[in-house]
PDB file of N, CA and C in Angstrom:
ATOM      1  N   MET A   1      96.493  63.878 111.836  1.00  0.00           N
ATOM      2  CA  MET A   1      95.672  64.304 110.725  1.00  0.00           C
ATOM      3  C   MET A   1      95.733  63.212 109.653  1.00  0.00           C
ATOM      4  N   SER A   2      94.582  62.841 109.145  1.00  0.00           N
ATOM      5  CA  SER A   2      94.548  61.778 108.146  1.00  0.00           C
ATOM      6  C   SER A   2      95.071  62.276 106.800  1.00  0.00           C
ATOM      7  N   CYS A   3      95.404  61.360 105.960  1.00  0.00           N
ATOM      8  CA  CYS A   3      95.945  61.678 104.631  1.00  0.00           C
ATOM      9  C   CYS A   3      94.905  62.415 103.782  1.00  0.00           C
ATOM     10  N   LYS A   4      93.632  62.018 103.887  1.00  0.00           N
ATOM     11  CA  LYS A   4      92.570  62.668 103.112  1.00  0.00           C
ATOM     12  C   LYS A   4      92.401  64.125 103.527  1.00  0.00           C
ATOM     13  N   VAL A   5      92.413  64.380 104.828  1.00  0.00           N
ATOM     14  CA  VAL A   5      92.258  65.749 105.319  1.00  0.00           C
ATOM     15  C   VAL A   5      93.435  66.600 104.875  1.00  0.00           C
ATOM     16  N   PHE A   6      94.643  66.037 104.986  1.00  0.00           N
ATOM     17  CA  PHE A   6      95.841  66.763 104.562  1.00  0.00           C
ATOM     18  C   PHE A   6      95.780  67.084 103.069  1.00  0.00           C
ATOM     19  N   SER A   7      95.385  66.115 102.252  1.00  0.00           N
ATOM     20  CA  SER A   7      95.276  66.327 100.800  1.00  0.00           C
ATOM     21  C   SER A   7      94.240  67.400 100.480  1.00  0.00           C
ATOM     22  N   TYR A   8      93.118  67.364 101.182  1.00  0.00           N
ATOM     23  CA  TYR A   8      92.070  68.355 100.970  1.00  0.00           C
ATOM     24  C   TYR A   8      92.572  69.757 101.303  1.00  0.00           C
ATOM     25  N   LEU A   9      93.205  69.914 102.457  1.00  0.00           N
ATOM     26  CA  LEU A   9      93.724  71.223 102.860  1.00  0.00           C
ATOM     27  C   LEU A   9      94.783  71.729 101.891  1.00  0.00           C
ATOM     28  N   LEU A  10      95.648  70.848 101.443  1.00  0.00           N
ATOM     29  CA  LEU A  10      96.683  71.229 100.483  1.00  0.00           C
ATOM     30  C   LEU A  10      96.059  71.693  99.170  1.00  0.00           C
ATOM     31  N   SER A  11      95.037  70.981  98.688  1.00  0.00           N
ATOM     32  CA  SER A  11      94.399  71.380  97.424  1.00  0.00           C
ATOM     33  C   SER A  11      93.678  72.718  97.571  1.00  0.00           C
ATOM     34  N   VAL A  12      93.055  72.968  98.717  1.00  0.00           N
ATOM     35  CA  VAL A  12      92.393  74.255  98.945  1.00  0.00           C
ATOM     36  C   VAL A  12      93.414  75.380  98.937  1.00  0.00           C
ATOM     37  N   LEU A  13      94.552  75.169  99.582  1.00  0.00           N
ATOM     38  CA  LEU A  13      95.598  76.189  99.602  1.00  0.00           C
ATOM     39  C   LEU A  13      96.148  76.460  98.207  1.00  0.00           C
ATOM     40  N   LEU A  14      96.330  75.415  97.414  1.00  0.00           N
ATOM     41  CA  LEU A  14      96.847  75.597  96.053  1.00  0.00           C
ATOM     42  C   LEU A  14      95.848  76.338  95.178  1.00  0.00           C
ATOM     43  N   ILE A  15      94.582  75.986  95.281  1.00  0.00           N
ATOM     44  CA  ILE A  15      93.554  76.652  94.475  1.00  0.00           C
ATOM     45  C   ILE A  15      93.446  78.121  94.863  1.00  0.00           C
ATOM     46  N   ALA A  16      93.595  78.420  96.133  1.00  0.00           N
ATOM     47  CA  ALA A  16      93.504  79.808  96.596  1.00  0.00           C
ATOM     48  C   ALA A  16      94.623  80.672  96.031  1.00  0.00           C
ATOM     49  N   GLN A  17      95.711  80.068  95.594  1.00  0.00           N
ATOM     50  CA  GLN A  17      96.837  80.817  95.057  1.00  0.00           C
ATOM     51  C   GLN A  17      96.692  81.128  93.571  1.00  0.00           C
ATOM     52  N   ILE A  18      95.729  80.516  92.894  1.00  0.00           N
ATOM     53  CA  ILE A  18      95.541  80.725  91.455  1.00  0.00           C
ATOM     54  C   ILE A  18      94.854  82.064  91.231  1.00  0.00           C
ATOM     55  N   PRO A  19      95.450  82.959  90.418  1.00  0.00           N
ATOM     56  CA  PRO A  19      94.785  84.238  90.142  1.00  0.00           C
ATOM     57  C   PRO A  19      93.560  84.018  89.260  1.00  0.00           C
ATOM     58  N   ILE A  20      92.530  84.766  89.512  1.00  0.00           N
ATOM     59  CA  ILE A  20      91.297  84.650  88.742  1.00  0.00           C
ATOM     60  C   ILE A  20      91.405  85.548  87.516  1.00  0.00           C
ATOM     61  N   ASN A  21      91.471  84.934  86.339  1.00  0.00           N
ATOM     62  CA  ASN A  21      91.524  85.629  85.050  1.00  0.00           C
ATOM     63  C   ASN A  21      92.673  86.629  84.943  1.00  0.00           C
ATOM     64  N   GLY A  22      93.620  86.601  85.835  1.00  0.00           N
ATOM     65  CA  GLY A  22      94.785  87.472  85.728  1.00  0.00           C
ATOM     66  C   GLY A  22      94.485  88.946  85.876  1.00  0.00           C
ATOM     67  N   ILE A  23      93.371  89.324  86.459  1.00  0.00           N
ATOM     68  CA  ILE A  23      93.026  90.731  86.642  1.00  0.00           C
ATOM     69  C   ILE A  23      93.205  91.080  88.110  1.00  0.00           C
ATOM     70  N   SER A  24      93.872  92.184  88.356  1.00  0.00           N
ATOM     71  CA  SER A  24      94.068  92.614  89.739  1.00  0.00           C
ATOM     72  C   SER A  24      93.828  94.115  89.843  1.00  0.00           C
ATOM     73  N   ALA A  25      93.541  94.564  91.043  1.00  0.00           N
ATOM     74  CA  ALA A  25      93.305  95.987  91.284  1.00  0.00           C
ATOM     75  C   ALA A  25      94.421  96.546  92.151  1.00  0.00           C
ATOM     76  N   GLY A  26      94.741  97.818  91.942  1.00  0.00           N
ATOM     77  CA  GLY A  26      95.768  98.474  92.735  1.00  0.00           C
ATOM     78  C   GLY A  26      95.301  98.661  94.173  1.00  0.00           C
ATOM     79  N   THR A  27      96.240  98.587  95.110  1.00  0.00           N
ATOM     80  CA  THR A  27      95.874  98.734  96.521  1.00  0.00           C
ATOM     81  C   THR A  27      95.629 100.185  96.899  1.00  0.00           C
ATOM     82  N   ASP A  28      96.203 101.126  96.170  1.00  0.00           N
ATOM     83  CA  ASP A  28      96.037 102.538  96.511  1.00  0.00           C
ATOM     84  C   ASP A  28      94.712 103.118  96.032  1.00  0.00           C
ATOM     85  N   ASP A  29      94.339 102.806  94.788  1.00  0.00           N
ATOM     86  CA  ASP A  29      93.160 103.436  94.206  1.00  0.00           C
ATOM     87  C   ASP A  29      92.067 102.457  93.775  1.00  0.00           C
ATOM     88  N   ASN A  30      92.307 101.154  93.941  1.00  0.00           N
ATOM     89  CA  ASN A  30      91.361 100.107  93.571  1.00  0.00           C
ATOM     90  C   ASN A  30      91.036 100.102  92.079  1.00  0.00           C
ATOM     91  N   GLU A  31      91.890 100.711  91.264  1.00  0.00           N
ATOM     92  CA  GLU A  31      91.709 100.690  89.819  1.00  0.00           C
ATOM     93  C   GLU A  31      92.240  99.371  89.270  1.00  0.00           C
ATOM     94  N   ILE A  32      91.593  98.858  88.252  1.00  0.00           N
ATOM     95  CA  ILE A  32      92.028  97.605  87.645  1.00  0.00           C
ATOM     96  C   ILE A  32      93.289  97.870  86.842  1.00  0.00           C
ATOM     97  N   ASP A  33      94.346  97.092  87.138  1.00  0.00           N
ATOM     98  CA  ASP A  33      95.651  97.330  86.536  1.00  0.00           C
ATOM     99  C   ASP A  33      95.784  96.766  85.129  1.00  0.00           C
ATOM    100  N   ASN A  34      95.365  95.547  84.930  1.00  0.00           N
ATOM    101  CA  ASN A  34      95.637  94.880  83.665  1.00  0.00           C
ATOM    102  C   ASN A  34      94.360  94.384  82.991  1.00  0.00           C
ATOM    103  N   ALA A  35      93.346  95.212  82.993  1.00  0.00           N
ATOM    104  CA  ALA A  35      92.096  94.852  82.324  1.00  0.00           C
ATOM    105  C   ALA A  35      92.317  94.852  80.813  1.00  0.00           C
ATOM    106  N   PRO A  36      91.695  93.914  80.102  1.00  0.00           N
ATOM    107  CA  PRO A  36      91.853  93.901  78.648  1.00  0.00           C
ATOM    108  C   PRO A  36      91.261  95.159  78.020  1.00  0.00           C
ATOM    109  N   GLU A  37      91.845  95.575  76.895  1.00  0.00           N
ATOM    110  CA  GLU A  37      91.383  96.784  76.203  1.00  0.00           C
ATOM    111  C   GLU A  37      89.965  96.609  75.664  1.00  0.00           C
ATOM    112  N   TYR A  38      89.649  95.398  75.214  1.00  0.00           N
ATOM    113  CA  TYR A  38      88.316  95.085  74.705  1.00  0.00           C
ATOM    114  C   TYR A  38      88.132  93.574  74.724  1.00  0.00           C
ATOM    115  N   TYR A  39      86.898  93.124  74.532  1.00  0.00           N
ATOM    116  CA  TYR A  39      86.623  91.710  74.319  1.00  0.00           C
ATOM    117  C   TYR A  39      85.738  91.613  73.087  1.00  0.00           C
ATOM    118  N   LEU A  40      85.633  90.425  72.522  1.00  0.00           N
ATOM    119  CA  LEU A  40      84.841  90.235  71.311  1.00  0.00           C
ATOM    120  C   LEU A  40      83.501  89.595  71.652  1.00  0.00           C
ATOM    121  N   LEU A  41      82.452  90.157  71.084  1.00  0.00           N
ATOM    122  CA  LEU A  41      81.102  89.629  71.239  1.00  0.00           C
ATOM    123  C   LEU A  41      80.444  89.670  69.872  1.00  0.00           C
ATOM    124  N   GLN A  42      80.044  88.509  69.357  1.00  0.00           N
ATOM    125  CA  GLN A  42      79.429  88.410  68.031  1.00  0.00           C
ATOM    126  C   GLN A  42      80.333  88.986  66.949  1.00  0.00           C
ATOM    127  N   GLY A  43      81.644  88.886  67.131  1.00  0.00           N
ATOM    128  CA  GLY A  43      82.592  89.401  66.156  1.00  0.00           C
ATOM    129  C   GLY A  43      82.814  90.900  66.240  1.00  0.00           C
ATOM    130  N   VAL A  44      82.313  91.555  67.283  1.00  0.00           N
ATOM    131  CA  VAL A  44      82.426  93.005  67.463  1.00  0.00           C
ATOM    132  C   VAL A  44      83.281  93.286  68.697  1.00  0.00           C
ATOM    133  N   LYS A  45      84.198  94.263  68.580  1.00  0.00           N
ATOM    134  CA  LYS A  45      85.005  94.672  69.727  1.00  0.00           C
ATOM    135  C   LYS A  45      84.133  95.458  70.696  1.00  0.00           C
ATOM    136  N   VAL A  46      84.054  94.977  71.933  1.00  0.00           N
ATOM    137  CA  VAL A  46      83.290  95.655  72.985  1.00  0.00           C
ATOM    138  C   VAL A  46      84.292  96.171  74.010  1.00  0.00           C
ATOM    139  N   TYR A  47      84.268  97.473  74.232  1.00  0.00           N
ATOM    140  CA  TYR A  47      85.202  98.120  75.153  1.00  0.00           C
ATOM    141  C   TYR A  47      84.604  98.146  76.553  1.00  0.00           C
ATOM    142  N   PRO A  48      85.454  98.299  77.579  1.00  0.00           N
ATOM    143  CA  PRO A  48      84.928  98.349  78.951  1.00  0.00           C
ATOM    144  C   PRO A  48      83.820  99.396  79.071  1.00  0.00           C
ATOM    145  N   ALA A  49      82.738  99.008  79.716  1.00  0.00           N
ATOM    146  CA  ALA A  49      81.563  99.883  79.810  1.00  0.00           C
ATOM    147  C   ALA A  49      81.815 101.037  80.767  1.00  0.00           C
ATOM    148  N   ASP A  50      81.513 102.227  80.315  1.00  0.00           N
ATOM    149  CA  ASP A  50      81.502 103.375  81.205  1.00  0.00           C
ATOM    150  C   ASP A  50      80.161 103.368  81.931  1.00  0.00           C
ATOM    151  N   ARG A  51      80.150 103.925  83.109  1.00  0.00           N
ATOM    152  CA  ARG A  51      78.971 103.881  83.974  1.00  0.00           C
ATOM    153  C   ARG A  51      77.718 104.417  83.281  1.00  0.00           C
ATOM    154  N   GLU A  52      77.860 105.529  82.570  1.00  0.00           N
ATOM    155  CA  GLU A  52      76.703 106.160  81.932  1.00  0.00           C
ATOM    156  C   GLU A  52      76.038 105.224  80.926  1.00  0.00           C
ATOM    157  N   CYS A  53      76.847 104.507  80.166  1.00  0.00           N
ATOM    158  CA  CYS A  53      76.330 103.577  79.158  1.00  0.00           C
ATOM    159  C   CYS A  53      75.738 102.336  79.827  1.00  0.00           C
ATOM    160  N   ALA A  54      76.441 101.813  80.818  1.00  0.00           N
ATOM    161  CA  ALA A  54      75.976 100.604  81.503  1.00  0.00           C
ATOM    162  C   ALA A  54      74.628 100.826  82.186  1.00  0.00           C
ATOM    163  N   LEU A  55      74.414 102.008  82.727  1.00  0.00           N
ATOM    164  CA  LEU A  55      73.139 102.298  83.391  1.00  0.00           C
ATOM    165  C   LEU A  55      71.960 102.267  82.420  1.00  0.00           C
ATOM    166  N   LEU A  56      72.238 102.505  81.137  1.00  0.00           N
ATOM    167  CA  LEU A  56      71.183 102.453  80.115  1.00  0.00           C
ATOM    168  C   LEU A  56      71.048 101.068  79.487  1.00  0.00           C
ATOM    169  N   GLY A  57      71.897 100.125  79.909  1.00  0.00           N
ATOM    170  CA  GLY A  57      71.849  98.780  79.351  1.00  0.00           C
ATOM    171  C   GLY A  57      72.562  98.654  78.024  1.00  0.00           C
ATOM    172  N   GLY A  58      73.467  99.587  77.723  1.00  0.00           N
ATOM    173  CA  GLY A  58      74.186  99.560  76.461  1.00  0.00           C
ATOM    174  C   GLY A  58      75.573  98.960  76.580  1.00  0.00           C
ATOM    175  N   LEU A  59      76.227  98.844  75.438  1.00  0.00           N
ATOM    176  CA  LEU A  59      77.606  98.376  75.347  1.00  0.00           C
ATOM    177  C   LEU A  59      78.425  99.436  74.630  1.00  0.00           C
ATOM    178  N   CYS A  60      79.668  99.614  75.031  1.00  0.00           N
ATOM    179  CA  CYS A  60      80.560 100.576  74.383  1.00  0.00           C
ATOM    180  C   CYS A  60      81.253  99.901  73.203  1.00  0.00           C
ATOM    181  N   VAL A  61      80.883 100.290  71.978  1.00  0.00           N
ATOM    182  CA  VAL A  61      81.470  99.734  70.756  1.00  0.00           C
ATOM    183  C   VAL A  61      81.773 100.877  69.789  1.00  0.00           C
ATOM    184  N   HIS A  62      82.596 100.591  68.769  1.00  0.00           N
ATOM    185  CA  HIS A  62      82.882 101.595  67.744  1.00  0.00           C
ATOM    186  C   HIS A  62      81.570 101.951  67.043  1.00  0.00           C
ATOM    187  N   HIS A  63      81.403 103.215  66.740  1.00  0.00           N
ATOM    188  CA  HIS A  63      80.118 103.673  66.165  1.00  0.00           C
ATOM    189  C   HIS A  63      79.751 102.943  64.886  1.00  0.00           C
ATOM    190  N   SER A  64      80.740 102.482  64.112  1.00  0.00           N
ATOM    191  CA  SER A  64      80.433 101.766  62.867  1.00  0.00           C
ATOM    192  C   SER A  64      79.947 100.338  63.124  1.00  0.00           C
ATOM    193  N   ASP A  65      80.114  99.838  64.348  1.00  0.00           N
ATOM    194  CA  ASP A  65      79.670  98.487  64.705  1.00  0.00           C
ATOM    195  C   ASP A  65      78.310  98.483  65.392  1.00  0.00           C
ATOM    196  N   CYS A  66      77.610  99.595  65.376  1.00  0.00           N
ATOM    197  CA  CYS A  66      76.365  99.718  66.137  1.00  0.00           C
ATOM    198  C   CYS A  66      75.158  99.807  65.207  1.00  0.00           C
ATOM    199  N   LEU A  67      74.158  98.960  65.455  1.00  0.00           N
ATOM    200  CA  LEU A  67      72.918  99.021  64.680  1.00  0.00           C
ATOM    201  C   LEU A  67      71.904  99.973  65.305  1.00  0.00           C
ATOM    202  N   GLU A  68      71.908 100.068  66.639  1.00  0.00           N
ATOM    203  CA  GLU A  68      70.956 100.945  67.324  1.00  0.00           C
ATOM    204  C   GLU A  68      71.674 101.715  68.438  1.00  0.00           C
ATOM    205  N   PRO A  69      72.187 102.913  68.110  1.00  0.00           N
ATOM    206  CA  PRO A  69      72.877 103.702  69.141  1.00  0.00           C
ATOM    207  C   PRO A  69      71.884 104.335  70.114  1.00  0.00           C
ATOM    208  N   THR A  70      72.397 104.713  71.272  1.00  0.00           N
ATOM    209  CA  THR A  70      71.564 105.447  72.226  1.00  0.00           C
ATOM    210  C   THR A  70      71.331 106.853  71.675  1.00  0.00           C
ATOM    211  N   THR A  71      70.301 107.520  72.144  1.00  0.00           N
ATOM    212  CA  THR A  71      70.004 108.867  71.646  1.00  0.00           C
ATOM    213  C   THR A  71      71.042 109.881  72.124  1.00  0.00           C
ATOM    214  N   ASN A  72      71.638 109.652  73.272  1.00  0.00           N
ATOM    215  CA  ASN A  72      72.674 110.557  73.790  1.00  0.00           C
ATOM    216  C   ASN A  72      74.052 110.097  73.337  1.00  0.00           C
ATOM    217  N   ARG A  73      74.860 111.023  72.877  1.00  0.00           N
ATOM    218  CA  ARG A  73      76.241 110.726  72.488  1.00  0.00           C
ATOM    219  C   ARG A  73      77.160 110.970  73.675  1.00  0.00           C
ATOM    220  N   GLY A  74      78.359 110.398  73.617  1.00  0.00           N
ATOM    221  CA  GLY A  74      79.367 110.657  74.638  1.00  0.00           C
ATOM    222  C   GLY A  74      79.190 109.874  75.922  1.00  0.00           C
ATOM    223  N   LEU A  75      78.478 108.742  75.877  1.00  0.00           N
ATOM    224  CA  LEU A  75      78.267 107.946  77.085  1.00  0.00           C
ATOM    225  C   LEU A  75      79.401 106.955  77.345  1.00  0.00           C
ATOM    226  N   CYS A  76      80.399 106.938  76.468  1.00  0.00           N
ATOM    227  CA  CYS A  76      81.581 106.086  76.651  1.00  0.00           C
ATOM    228  C   CYS A  76      82.829 106.966  76.590  1.00  0.00           C
ATOM    229  N   PRO A  77      82.983 107.901  77.526  1.00  0.00           N
ATOM    230  CA  PRO A  77      84.071 108.883  77.443  1.00  0.00           C
ATOM    231  C   PRO A  77      85.474 108.289  77.521  1.00  0.00           C
ATOM    232  N   ALA A  78      85.652 107.152  78.176  1.00  0.00           N
ATOM    233  CA  ALA A  78      86.993 106.576  78.317  1.00  0.00           C
ATOM    234  C   ALA A  78      87.585 106.160  76.972  1.00  0.00           C
ATOM    235  N   ASN A  79      86.745 105.821  76.003  1.00  0.00           N
ATOM    236  CA  ASN A  79      87.223 105.384  74.690  1.00  0.00           C
ATOM    237  C   ASN A  79      86.697 106.256  73.560  1.00  0.00           C
ATOM    238  N   LYS A  80      86.301 107.475  73.873  1.00  0.00           N
ATOM    239  CA  LYS A  80      85.774 108.392  72.857  1.00  0.00           C
ATOM    240  C   LYS A  80      86.791 108.630  71.747  1.00  0.00           C
ATOM    241  N   HIS A  81      88.075 108.681  72.108  1.00  0.00           N
ATOM    242  CA  HIS A  81      89.132 108.920  71.119  1.00  0.00           C
ATOM    243  C   HIS A  81      89.233 107.793  70.092  1.00  0.00           C
ATOM    244  N   ARG A  82      88.609 106.660  70.354  1.00  0.00           N
ATOM    245  CA  ARG A  82      88.589 105.532  69.415  1.00  0.00           C
ATOM    246  C   ARG A  82      87.308 105.514  68.576  1.00  0.00           C
ATOM    247  N   GLY A  83      86.439 106.493  68.753  1.00  0.00           N
ATOM    248  CA  GLY A  83      85.171 106.519  68.030  1.00  0.00           C
ATOM    249  C   GLY A  83      84.130 105.608  68.654  1.00  0.00           C
ATOM    250  N   VAL A  84      84.261 105.347  69.953  1.00  0.00           N
ATOM    251  CA  VAL A  84      83.370 104.429  70.657  1.00  0.00           C
ATOM    252  C   VAL A  84      82.153 105.181  71.191  1.00  0.00           C
ATOM    253  N   GLU A  85      80.984 104.583  70.993  1.00  0.00           N
ATOM    254  CA  GLU A  85      79.725 105.144  71.487  1.00  0.00           C
ATOM    255  C   GLU A  85      78.914 104.043  72.168  1.00  0.00           C
ATOM    256  N   CYS A  86      77.918 104.452  72.916  1.00  0.00           N
ATOM    257  CA  CYS A  86      77.035 103.517  73.612  1.00  0.00           C
ATOM    258  C   CYS A  86      76.020 102.951  72.613  1.00  0.00           C
ATOM    259  N   CYS A  87      75.820 101.647  72.656  1.00  0.00           N
ATOM    260  CA  CYS A  87      75.007 100.972  71.646  1.00  0.00           C
ATOM    261  C   CYS A  87      74.076  99.952  72.295  1.00  0.00           C
ATOM    262  N   TYR A  88      72.863  99.851  71.741  1.00  0.00           N
ATOM    263  CA  TYR A  88      71.900  98.868  72.219  1.00  0.00           C
ATOM    264  C   TYR A  88      71.924  97.570  71.418  1.00  0.00           C
ATOM    265  N   GLU A  89      72.251  97.636  70.126  1.00  0.00           N
ATOM    266  CA  GLU A  89      72.163  96.439  69.285  1.00  0.00           C
ATOM    267  C   GLU A  89      73.397  96.304  68.405  1.00  0.00           C
ATOM    268  N   LEU A  90      73.973  95.096  68.394  1.00  0.00           N
ATOM    269  CA  LEU A  90      75.160  94.807  67.595  1.00  0.00           C
ATOM    270  C   LEU A  90      74.782  93.987  66.371  1.00  0.00           C
ATOM    271  N   PRO A  91      75.561  94.109  65.291  1.00  0.00           N
ATOM    272  CA  PRO A  91      75.311  93.267  64.126  1.00  0.00           C
ATOM    273  C   PRO A  91      75.746  91.829  64.408  1.00  0.00           C
ATOM    274  N   LEU A  92      75.164  90.885  63.683  1.00  0.00           N
ATOM    275  CA  LEU A  92      75.588  89.488  63.781  1.00  0.00           C
ATOM    276  C   LEU A  92      76.662  89.251  62.740  1.00  0.00           C
ATOM    277  N   ARG A  93      77.884  89.084  63.175  1.00  0.00           N
ATOM    278  CA  ARG A  93      79.005  88.853  62.267  1.00  0.00           C
ATOM    279  C   ARG A  93      79.542  87.449  62.479  1.00  0.00           C
ATOM    280  N   PRO A  94      80.129  86.867  61.438  1.00  0.00           N
ATOM    281  CA  PRO A  94      80.762  85.562  61.626  1.00  0.00           C
ATOM    282  C   PRO A  94      81.851  85.649  62.698  1.00  0.00           C
ATOM    283  N   ALA A  95      81.792  84.722  63.651  1.00  0.00           N
ATOM    284  CA  ALA A  95      82.742  84.687  64.765  1.00  0.00           C
ATOM    285  C   ALA A  95      82.682  83.298  65.388  1.00  0.00           C
ATOM    286  N   PRO A  96      83.677  82.947  66.192  1.00  0.00           N
ATOM    287  CA  PRO A  96      83.582  81.669  66.911  1.00  0.00           C
ATOM    288  C   PRO A  96      82.283  81.605  67.715  1.00  0.00           C
ATOM    289  N   CYS A  97      81.708  80.436  67.793  1.00  0.00           N
ATOM    290  CA  CYS A  97      80.398  80.260  68.420  1.00  0.00           C
ATOM    291  C   CYS A  97      80.372  80.774  69.858  1.00  0.00           C
ATOM    292  N   GLU A  98      81.454  80.627  70.569  1.00  0.00           N
ATOM    293  CA  GLU A  98      81.517  81.094  71.960  1.00  0.00           C
ATOM    294  C   GLU A  98      81.267  82.600  72.068  1.00  0.00           C
ATOM    295  N   GLN A  99      81.700  83.372  71.048  1.00  0.00           N
ATOM    296  CA  GLN A  99      81.468  84.817  71.058  1.00  0.00           C
ATOM    297  C   GLN A  99      79.986  85.157  70.886  1.00  0.00           C
ATOM    298  N   HIS A 100      79.239  84.227  70.344  1.00  0.00           N
ATOM    299  CA  HIS A 100      77.790  84.416  70.205  1.00  0.00           C
ATOM    300  C   HIS A 100      77.057  83.874  71.437  1.00  0.00           C
ATOM    301  N   LEU A 101      77.830  83.474  72.448  1.00  0.00           N
ATOM    302  CA  LEU A 101      77.293  82.889  73.679  1.00  0.00           C
ATOM    303  C   LEU A 101      76.500  81.623  73.374  1.00  0.00           C
ATOM    304  N   GLY A 102      77.060  80.811  72.470  1.00  0.00           N
ATOM    305  CA  GLY A 102      76.404  79.574  72.083  1.00  0.00           C
ATOM    306  C   GLY A 102      77.373  78.412  72.023  1.00  0.00           C
ATOM    307  N   ILE A 103      76.858  77.271  71.553  1.00  0.00           N
ATOM    308  CA  ILE A 103      77.680  76.085  71.329  1.00  0.00           C
ATOM    309  C   ILE A 103      77.268  75.465  69.996  1.00  0.00           C
ATOM    310  N   CYS A 104      78.169  74.682  69.422  1.00  0.00           N
ATOM    311  CA  CYS A 104      77.886  73.987  68.168  1.00  0.00           C
ATOM    312  C   CYS A 104      77.000  72.780  68.459  1.00  0.00           C
ATOM    313  N   MET A 105      75.896  72.671  67.702  1.00  0.00           N
ATOM    314  CA  MET A 105      74.941  71.582  67.905  1.00  0.00           C
ATOM    315  C   MET A 105      74.515  71.020  66.555  1.00  0.00           C
ATOM    316  N   ASN A 106      73.974  69.804  66.585  1.00  0.00           N
ATOM    317  CA  ASN A 106      73.494  69.183  65.355  1.00  0.00           C
ATOM    318  C   ASN A 106      72.198  69.821  64.870  1.00  0.00           C
ATOM    319  N   THR A 107      71.311  70.176  65.785  1.00  0.00           N
ATOM    320  CA  THR A 107      70.052  70.823  65.419  1.00  0.00           C
ATOM    321  C   THR A 107      69.802  71.999  66.354  1.00  0.00           C
ATOM    322  N   CYS A 108      69.088  72.987  65.830  1.00  0.00           N
ATOM    323  CA  CYS A 108      68.811  74.190  66.612  1.00  0.00           C
ATOM    324  C   CYS A 108      67.685  74.956  65.922  1.00  0.00           C
ATOM    325  N   ALA A 109      66.805  75.543  66.717  1.00  0.00           N
ATOM    326  CA  ALA A 109      65.743  76.377  66.144  1.00  0.00           C
ATOM    327  C   ALA A 109      66.387  77.505  65.337  1.00  0.00           C
ATOM    328  N   GLU A 110      65.818  77.822  64.200  1.00  0.00           N
ATOM    329  CA  GLU A 110      66.421  78.799  63.291  1.00  0.00           C
ATOM    330  C   GLU A 110      66.636  80.163  63.945  1.00  0.00           C
ATOM    331  N   TYR A 111      65.708  80.608  64.783  1.00  0.00           N
ATOM    332  CA  TYR A 111      65.844  81.937  65.394  1.00  0.00           C
ATOM    333  C   TYR A 111      66.954  81.993  66.443  1.00  0.00           C
ATOM    334  N   LEU A 112      67.499  80.829  66.840  1.00  0.00           N
ATOM    335  CA  LEU A 112      68.611  80.794  67.797  1.00  0.00           C
ATOM    336  C   LEU A 112      69.961  80.561  67.122  1.00  0.00           C
ATOM    337  N   GLN A 113      69.968  80.384  65.801  1.00  0.00           N
ATOM    338  CA  GLN A 113      71.218  80.119  65.088  1.00  0.00           C
ATOM    339  C   GLN A 113      71.988  81.407  64.839  1.00  0.00           C
ATOM    340  N   ARG A 114      73.313  81.323  64.958  1.00  0.00           N
ATOM    341  CA  ARG A 114      74.213  82.450  64.713  1.00  0.00           C
ATOM    342  C   ARG A 114      75.317  81.997  63.769  1.00  0.00           C
ATOM    343  N   PRO A 115      75.984  82.939  63.090  1.00  0.00           N
ATOM    344  CA  PRO A 115      77.038  82.573  62.131  1.00  0.00           C
ATOM    345  C   PRO A 115      78.346  82.191  62.829  1.00  0.00           C
ATOM    346  N   GLY A 116      78.389  80.991  63.395  1.00  0.00           N
ATOM    347  CA  GLY A 116      79.601  80.503  64.063  1.00  0.00           C
ATOM    348  C   GLY A 116      80.616  80.018  63.048  1.00  0.00           C
ATOM    349  N   THR A 117      81.863  80.405  63.232  1.00  0.00           N
ATOM    350  CA  THR A 117      82.912  80.042  62.275  1.00  0.00           C
ATOM    351  C   THR A 117      83.636  78.759  62.648  1.00  0.00           C
ATOM    352  N   ASP A 118      83.359  78.204  63.816  1.00  0.00           N
ATOM    353  CA  ASP A 118      84.121  77.043  64.262  1.00  0.00           C
ATOM    354  C   ASP A 118      83.296  75.760  64.359  1.00  0.00           C
ATOM    355  N   CYS A 119      82.055  75.772  63.915  1.00  0.00           N
ATOM    356  CA  CYS A 119      81.229  74.571  63.946  1.00  0.00           C
ATOM    357  C   CYS A 119      81.568  73.704  62.736  1.00  0.00           C
ATOM    358  N   GLN A 120      81.713  72.407  62.979  1.00  0.00           N
ATOM    359  CA  GLN A 120      82.145  71.499  61.918  1.00  0.00           C
ATOM    360  C   GLN A 120      81.160  70.351  61.760  1.00  0.00           C
ATOM    361  N   GLY A 121      81.296  69.626  60.679  1.00  0.00           N
ATOM    362  CA  GLY A 121      80.500  68.430  60.449  1.00  0.00           C
ATOM    363  C   GLY A 121      79.012  68.681  60.349  1.00  0.00           C
ATOM    364  N   GLY A 122      78.617  69.800  59.753  1.00  0.00           N
ATOM    365  CA  GLY A 122      77.205  70.104  59.588  1.00  0.00           C
ATOM    366  C   GLY A 122      76.535  70.691  60.817  1.00  0.00           C
ATOM    367  N   GLN A 123      77.298  70.934  61.880  1.00  0.00           N
ATOM    368  CA  GLN A 123      76.714  71.534  63.074  1.00  0.00           C
ATOM    369  C   GLN A 123      76.487  73.027  62.862  1.00  0.00           C
ATOM    370  N   VAL A 124      75.591  73.589  63.659  1.00  0.00           N
ATOM    371  CA  VAL A 124      75.305  75.021  63.612  1.00  0.00           C
ATOM    372  C   VAL A 124      75.549  75.618  64.993  1.00  0.00           C
ATOM    373  N   CYS A 125      75.839  76.912  65.007  1.00  0.00           N
ATOM    374  CA  CYS A 125      76.039  77.622  66.266  1.00  0.00           C
ATOM    375  C   CYS A 125      74.670  77.979  66.830  1.00  0.00           C
ATOM    376  N   CYS A 126      74.398  77.530  68.043  1.00  0.00           N
ATOM    377  CA  CYS A 126      73.093  77.734  68.667  1.00  0.00           C
ATOM    378  C   CYS A 126      73.272  78.509  69.967  1.00  0.00           C
ATOM    379  N   VAL A 127      72.559  79.627  70.090  1.00  0.00           N
ATOM    380  CA  VAL A 127      72.636  80.467  71.286  1.00  0.00           C
ATOM    381  C   VAL A 127      72.023  79.717  72.459  1.00  0.00           C
ATOM    382  N   LEU A 128      72.701  79.753  73.588  1.00  0.00           N
ATOM    383  CA  LEU A 128      72.180  79.130  74.804  1.00  0.00           C
ATOM    384  C   LEU A 128      71.271  80.121  75.516  1.00  0.00           C
ATOM    385  N   VAL A 129      70.043  79.700  75.778  1.00  0.00           N
ATOM    386  CA  VAL A 129      69.097  80.571  76.478  1.00  0.00           C
ATOM    387  C   VAL A 129      68.743  79.993  77.822  1.00  0.00           C
TER     388      VAL A 129
END
């Protein structure tokens, strides 16, 4: 076996051992063991989506963080005790540009600009479309 082939096989084996994002599921019930409690999007805490909310295209967020809630209440039952409801529209809050799904750029169309807190040197946070 040549050195290149051996190196390639070794690198494939090493990469296969790296856990993806550190999330794993239980073997008995296939439930996610160490899923994060929430993630941040546009400076808003977004909780794991319950099926009912996801089917409507909504996000599970605290009711005070929602600009346009769904007409039905209780679509996020897993986090109801936290005041979480299904929401269609989130407010734009200052947050790192990555949370706005954008990058810092020198120029950007005004309708794509978001309040990024980590852009420096006159750059603006621009949503990637």
